[in-house]
Amino acid sequence: MCELGYEHYTVNHSRNFVDPHTRATTNHVESMWQKVKTDNKKRYGTHRTTLDSHLGEFMWKQRFGNSLVTFFDHIKEQFELN
């Protein structure tokens, strides 16, 4: 994940809830996972074979919003249309 620009930190909860050196906390991850679960419940669950695609859709919407125009712009960028 580092090559994609992500940094991985750990927090030792037996010592503190926010790492004093990196300021890393698990709050953001736990909050985001709660949003994923809520989104999944709106679909009445997700079969394990389609979980990857649902997570991909969720992450795309978190990053770019829920705009159909943006979605089609990204498709146009990926595929050359004649």
N, C-alpha and C. Protein backbone atom coordinates (compact mmCIF):
# COMPACT_ATOMS: atom_id res chain seq x y z
N MET A 1 0.81 -1.19 0.00
CA MET A 1 0.00 0.00 0.00
C MET A 1 0.86 1.26 0.00
N CYS A 2 2.09 1.14 0.47
CA CYS A 2 2.98 2.30 0.50
C CYS A 2 3.19 2.88 -0.89
N GLU A 3 3.29 2.00 -1.90
CA GLU A 3 3.50 2.48 -3.26
C GLU A 3 2.30 3.24 -3.81
N LEU A 4 1.15 3.11 -3.15
CA LEU A 4 -0.05 3.86 -3.53
C LEU A 4 -0.20 5.15 -2.73
N GLY A 5 0.78 5.42 -1.85
CA GLY A 5 0.75 6.66 -1.09
C GLY A 5 0.15 6.54 0.30
N TYR A 6 -0.13 5.32 0.74
CA TYR A 6 -0.70 5.13 2.07
C TYR A 6 0.42 4.88 3.08
N GLU A 7 0.23 5.39 4.28
CA GLU A 7 1.17 5.13 5.36
C GLU A 7 0.46 4.29 6.41
N HIS A 8 1.13 3.28 6.92
CA HIS A 8 0.54 2.39 7.91
C HIS A 8 1.16 2.66 9.27
N TYR A 9 0.32 2.98 10.23
CA TYR A 9 0.76 3.21 11.60
C TYR A 9 0.06 2.22 12.51
N THR A 10 0.65 2.00 13.66
CA THR A 10 0.01 1.15 14.67
C THR A 10 -0.17 1.95 15.94
N VAL A 11 -1.12 1.54 16.73
CA VAL A 11 -1.38 2.17 18.02
C VAL A 11 -1.43 1.07 19.06
N ASN A 12 -0.66 1.20 20.12
CA ASN A 12 -0.67 0.25 21.21
C ASN A 12 -1.67 0.74 22.24
N HIS A 13 -2.88 0.18 22.23
CA HIS A 13 -3.94 0.66 23.11
C HIS A 13 -3.68 0.36 24.58
N SER A 14 -2.74 -0.52 24.87
CA SER A 14 -2.42 -0.77 26.28
C SER A 14 -1.61 0.40 26.86
N ARG A 15 -1.04 1.23 25.97
CA ARG A 15 -0.27 2.39 26.43
C ARG A 15 -1.02 3.70 26.25
N ASN A 16 -1.66 3.87 25.09
CA ASN A 16 -2.40 5.10 24.82
C ASN A 16 -3.32 4.87 23.62
N PHE A 17 -4.25 5.80 23.42
CA PHE A 17 -5.17 5.68 22.30
C PHE A 17 -4.75 6.54 21.11
N VAL A 18 -3.83 7.46 21.34
CA VAL A 18 -3.24 8.26 20.27
C VAL A 18 -1.73 8.16 20.43
N ASP A 19 -1.05 7.71 19.38
CA ASP A 19 0.40 7.61 19.46
C ASP A 19 0.99 9.00 19.63
N PRO A 20 1.76 9.24 20.69
CA PRO A 20 2.27 10.59 20.96
C PRO A 20 3.28 11.08 19.92
N HIS A 21 3.90 10.17 19.17
CA HIS A 21 4.91 10.58 18.19
C HIS A 21 4.30 10.83 16.81
N THR A 22 3.43 9.93 16.36
CA THR A 22 2.86 10.04 15.01
C THR A 22 1.47 10.66 15.02
N ARG A 23 0.84 10.74 16.19
CA ARG A 23 -0.54 11.20 16.36
C ARG A 23 -1.53 10.23 15.71
N ALA A 24 -1.08 9.02 15.42
CA ALA A 24 -1.95 8.00 14.81
C ALA A 24 -3.02 7.58 15.80
N THR A 25 -4.21 7.34 15.27
CA THR A 25 -5.34 6.89 16.07
C THR A 25 -6.17 5.94 15.22
N THR A 26 -6.95 5.11 15.83
CA THR A 26 -7.80 4.18 15.08
C THR A 26 -9.19 4.77 14.83
N ASN A 27 -9.45 5.98 15.31
CA ASN A 27 -10.79 6.56 15.18
C ASN A 27 -11.25 6.67 13.73
N HIS A 28 -10.37 7.14 12.84
CA HIS A 28 -10.78 7.32 11.45
C HIS A 28 -11.11 5.98 10.79
N VAL A 29 -10.29 4.98 11.03
CA VAL A 29 -10.53 3.66 10.45
C VAL A 29 -11.84 3.08 10.97
N GLU A 30 -12.06 3.19 12.27
CA GLU A 30 -13.29 2.66 12.85
C GLU A 30 -14.52 3.40 12.32
N SER A 31 -14.41 4.71 12.15
CA SER A 31 -15.50 5.50 11.59
C SER A 31 -15.79 5.10 10.15
N MET A 32 -14.75 4.95 9.36
CA MET A 32 -14.93 4.57 7.95
C MET A 32 -15.53 3.18 7.84
N TRP A 33 -15.08 2.25 8.67
CA TRP A 33 -15.63 0.89 8.63
C TRP A 33 -17.10 0.90 9.01
N GLN A 34 -17.50 1.76 9.94
CA GLN A 34 -18.91 1.89 10.31
C GLN A 34 -19.73 2.37 9.11
N LYS A 35 -19.18 3.30 8.33
CA LYS A 35 -19.87 3.78 7.12
C LYS A 35 -20.02 2.65 6.11
N VAL A 36 -18.99 1.83 5.96
CA VAL A 36 -19.05 0.69 5.04
C VAL A 36 -20.17 -0.25 5.47
N LYS A 37 -20.23 -0.55 6.76
CA LYS A 37 -21.26 -1.48 7.26
C LYS A 37 -22.66 -0.90 7.08
N THR A 38 -22.81 0.42 7.32
CA THR A 38 -24.11 1.06 7.14
C THR A 38 -24.53 1.01 5.68
N ASP A 39 -23.60 1.31 4.77
CA ASP A 39 -23.88 1.25 3.34
C ASP A 39 -24.26 -0.17 2.93
N ASN A 40 -23.60 -1.15 3.50
CA ASN A 40 -23.89 -2.55 3.20
C ASN A 40 -25.29 -2.93 3.67
N LYS A 41 -25.69 -2.43 4.83
CA LYS A 41 -27.03 -2.76 5.35
C LYS A 41 -28.12 -2.19 4.43
N LYS A 42 -27.85 -1.04 3.79
CA LYS A 42 -28.82 -0.47 2.86
C LYS A 42 -29.06 -1.40 1.68
N ARG A 43 -28.07 -2.23 1.36
CA ARG A 43 -28.18 -3.19 0.25
C ARG A 43 -28.77 -4.51 0.73
N TYR A 44 -29.15 -4.62 1.98
CA TYR A 44 -29.63 -5.86 2.59
C TYR A 44 -28.55 -6.93 2.58
N GLY A 45 -27.32 -6.48 2.82
CA GLY A 45 -26.19 -7.40 2.89
C GLY A 45 -25.47 -7.51 1.56
N THR A 46 -24.32 -8.12 1.61
CA THR A 46 -23.50 -8.30 0.42
C THR A 46 -22.96 -9.72 0.43
N HIS A 47 -23.11 -10.41 -0.67
CA HIS A 47 -22.56 -11.75 -0.77
C HIS A 47 -21.04 -11.65 -0.82
N ARG A 48 -20.36 -12.59 -0.20
CA ARG A 48 -18.89 -12.51 -0.11
C ARG A 48 -18.21 -12.48 -1.47
N THR A 49 -18.86 -13.00 -2.50
CA THR A 49 -18.24 -12.98 -3.83
C THR A 49 -18.29 -11.59 -4.47
N THR A 50 -19.14 -10.70 -3.97
CA THR A 50 -19.24 -9.35 -4.54
C THR A 50 -18.72 -8.28 -3.59
N LEU A 51 -18.18 -8.69 -2.45
CA LEU A 51 -17.71 -7.72 -1.46
C LEU A 51 -16.64 -6.79 -2.03
N ASP A 52 -15.68 -7.33 -2.80
CA ASP A 52 -14.62 -6.49 -3.37
C ASP A 52 -15.18 -5.36 -4.22
N SER A 53 -16.15 -5.68 -5.07
CA SER A 53 -16.70 -4.64 -5.94
C SER A 53 -17.49 -3.61 -5.14
N HIS A 54 -18.20 -4.04 -4.10
CA HIS A 54 -18.93 -3.09 -3.27
C HIS A 54 -17.98 -2.19 -2.50
N LEU A 55 -16.88 -2.74 -2.00
CA LEU A 55 -15.88 -1.91 -1.31
C LEU A 55 -15.24 -0.93 -2.28
N GLY A 56 -14.97 -1.38 -3.50
CA GLY A 56 -14.42 -0.49 -4.51
C GLY A 56 -15.35 0.67 -4.82
N GLU A 57 -16.64 0.36 -4.96
CA GLU A 57 -17.63 1.41 -5.20
C GLU A 57 -17.69 2.38 -4.02
N PHE A 58 -17.69 1.84 -2.81
CA PHE A 58 -17.74 2.69 -1.62
C PHE A 58 -16.54 3.63 -1.57
N MET A 59 -15.34 3.09 -1.83
CA MET A 59 -14.13 3.92 -1.77
C MET A 59 -14.14 4.99 -2.87
N TRP A 60 -14.63 4.63 -4.06
CA TRP A 60 -14.71 5.61 -5.15
C TRP A 60 -15.64 6.75 -4.76
N LYS A 61 -16.82 6.40 -4.21
CA LYS A 61 -17.78 7.44 -3.81
C LYS A 61 -17.24 8.30 -2.68
N GLN A 62 -16.48 7.73 -1.77
CA GLN A 62 -15.87 8.53 -0.70
C GLN A 62 -14.89 9.54 -1.27
N ARG A 63 -14.18 9.14 -2.30
CA ARG A 63 -13.15 10.01 -2.87
C ARG A 63 -13.71 11.03 -3.86
N PHE A 64 -14.70 10.62 -4.68
CA PHE A 64 -15.17 11.47 -5.76
C PHE A 64 -16.62 11.92 -5.63
N GLY A 65 -17.33 11.46 -4.62
CA GLY A 65 -18.73 11.82 -4.48
C GLY A 65 -19.62 10.86 -5.26
N ASN A 66 -20.88 11.21 -5.34
CA ASN A 66 -21.85 10.31 -5.96
C ASN A 66 -22.33 10.89 -7.29
N SER A 67 -21.43 11.52 -8.05
CA SER A 67 -21.78 12.19 -9.29
C SER A 67 -21.71 11.22 -10.47
N LEU A 68 -22.81 11.08 -11.17
CA LEU A 68 -22.83 10.23 -12.36
C LEU A 68 -21.95 10.82 -13.46
N VAL A 69 -21.91 12.15 -13.56
CA VAL A 69 -21.07 12.81 -14.56
C VAL A 69 -19.60 12.48 -14.31
N THR A 70 -19.15 12.56 -13.05
CA THR A 70 -17.77 12.22 -12.70
C THR A 70 -17.48 10.76 -13.02
N PHE A 71 -18.44 9.90 -12.73
CA PHE A 71 -18.29 8.48 -13.03
C PHE A 71 -18.04 8.26 -14.53
N PHE A 72 -18.87 8.90 -15.36
CA PHE A 72 -18.70 8.74 -16.81
C PHE A 72 -17.41 9.40 -17.30
N ASP A 73 -17.00 10.50 -16.68
CA ASP A 73 -15.71 11.12 -17.03
C ASP A 73 -14.56 10.15 -16.77
N HIS A 74 -14.62 9.44 -15.66
CA HIS A 74 -13.56 8.47 -15.34
C HIS A 74 -13.57 7.28 -16.30
N ILE A 75 -14.75 6.86 -16.69
CA ILE A 75 -14.83 5.78 -17.68
C ILE A 75 -14.22 6.26 -19.00
N LYS A 76 -14.56 7.48 -19.39
CA LYS A 76 -14.03 8.04 -20.65
C LYS A 76 -12.51 8.12 -20.62
N GLU A 77 -11.94 8.44 -19.46
CA GLU A 77 -10.48 8.52 -19.33
C GLU A 77 -9.82 7.14 -19.45
N GLN A 78 -10.52 6.10 -19.04
CA GLN A 78 -9.96 4.76 -19.04
C GLN A 78 -10.08 4.05 -20.39
N PHE A 79 -11.09 4.41 -21.15
CA PHE A 79 -11.36 3.71 -22.41
C PHE A 79 -11.42 4.70 -23.56
N GLU A 80 -10.68 4.40 -24.60
CA GLU A 80 -10.68 5.26 -25.78
C GLU A 80 -11.95 5.01 -26.58
N LEU A 81 -12.70 6.07 -26.82
CA LEU A 81 -13.94 5.95 -27.58
C LEU A 81 -13.72 6.46 -28.99
N ASN A 82 -14.26 5.74 -29.96
CA ASN A 82 -14.12 6.16 -31.37
C ASN A 82 -15.37 6.84 -31.85
